Protein backbone atom coordinates (compact mmCIF):
# COMPACT_ATOMS: atom_id res chain seq x y z
CA MET A 1 52.63 36.21 34.32
CA GLY A 2 54.06 38.55 31.82
CA ALA A 3 51.28 37.39 29.22
CA LEU A 4 48.61 38.30 31.73
CA PHE A 5 49.85 41.76 32.07
CA GLY A 6 50.17 42.02 28.20
CA TRP A 7 46.46 41.07 27.87
CA ILE A 8 45.46 43.69 30.53
CA ALA A 9 47.73 46.33 28.91
CA ILE A 10 46.25 45.52 25.37
CA GLY A 11 42.72 45.31 26.74
CA LEU A 12 43.08 48.70 28.40
CA PHE A 13 44.37 50.26 25.30
CA ILE A 14 41.57 48.61 23.15
CA GLY A 15 38.90 49.71 25.89
CA LEU A 16 40.25 53.26 25.73
CA VAL A 17 40.04 53.27 21.96
CA GLY A 18 36.43 52.08 22.21
CA LYS A 19 35.44 54.72 24.69
CA PHE A 20 37.21 57.34 22.58
CA LEU A 21 35.05 56.34 19.64
CA MET A 22 31.93 56.46 21.72
CA PRO A 23 32.27 59.47 24.16
CA GLY A 24 30.01 59.95 27.13
CA ARG A 25 29.82 59.23 30.74
CA ASP A 26 29.99 55.60 31.74
CA PRO A 27 30.13 54.22 35.27
CA GLY A 28 33.39 52.45 35.88
CA GLY A 29 36.84 53.41 35.57
CA LEU A 30 40.06 51.88 34.07
CA VAL A 31 39.11 48.36 35.44
CA VAL A 32 35.72 48.28 33.46
CA THR A 33 37.60 49.83 30.58
CA ALA A 34 40.20 47.17 30.52
CA LEU A 35 37.64 44.40 31.13
CA LEU A 36 35.50 45.71 28.18
CA GLY A 37 38.75 45.88 25.93
CA ILE A 38 39.73 42.27 26.87
CA ALA A 39 36.30 40.94 26.36
CA GLY A 40 35.69 42.80 23.26
CA ALA A 41 38.95 41.72 21.64
CA MET A 42 37.94 38.14 22.48
CA LEU A 43 34.47 38.55 21.26
CA GLY A 44 35.68 40.11 18.05
CA GLY A 45 38.36 37.62 17.57
CA LEU A 46 36.12 34.64 17.92
CA GLY A 47 33.52 36.31 15.61
CA ALA A 48 36.24 36.98 12.95
CA GLN A 49 37.49 33.36 13.45
CA ALA A 50 33.95 31.88 13.06
CA ALA A 51 33.59 33.82 9.88
CA GLY A 52 36.91 32.57 8.58
CA LEU A 53 38.33 36.18 8.61
CA HIS A 54 40.89 35.91 11.43
CA HIS A 55 44.55 36.57 10.54
CA ARG A 56 47.06 36.96 13.37
CA ASP A 57 49.23 40.01 13.60
CA SER A 58 47.51 42.16 11.10
CA LEU A 59 45.88 45.48 11.25
CA ALA A 60 42.51 43.94 10.76
CA THR A 61 42.90 42.11 14.23
CA PHE A 62 43.10 45.47 15.79
CA PHE A 63 39.98 46.92 14.15
CA VAL A 64 38.02 43.63 14.94
CA ALA A 65 39.12 43.91 18.70
CA VAL A 66 38.08 47.73 18.63
CA ALA A 67 34.65 46.64 17.01
CA GLY A 68 34.06 44.01 19.70
CA ALA A 69 34.94 46.51 22.54
CA VAL A 70 32.54 49.08 20.98
CA ALA A 71 29.79 46.54 20.74
CA LEU A 72 30.12 45.49 24.39
CA LEU A 73 30.34 49.07 25.35
CA VAL A 74 26.98 49.74 23.67
CA LEU A 75 25.47 46.74 25.56
CA TYR A 76 27.06 47.77 28.79
CA ARG A 77 25.35 51.28 28.16
CA ILE A 78 22.03 49.63 27.42
CA VAL A 79 22.19 47.42 30.55
CA MET A 80 23.28 50.31 32.90
CA LYS A 81 20.27 52.57 31.72
CA MET A 82 17.79 49.62 32.23
CA ARG A 83 19.05 49.13 35.77
CA GLY A 84 18.46 52.76 36.82
């Protein structure tokens, strides 16, 4: 159970960093931010692992997670604009 809360807390932090890097109005609050952060971290981690660049417990892991969150935030904004 503690690991789940850890993922949520880290995801929220990564999502907030991503939103800080891409300011603007986005629909959704902390829940969407946390979900984007968690999914972005997973996406970035999988991409780095597939490229053979994944190293646990390094600063690069943080940057990869933020890059994944920013990429998902860009996609999220595109989809929300298309919807209305």
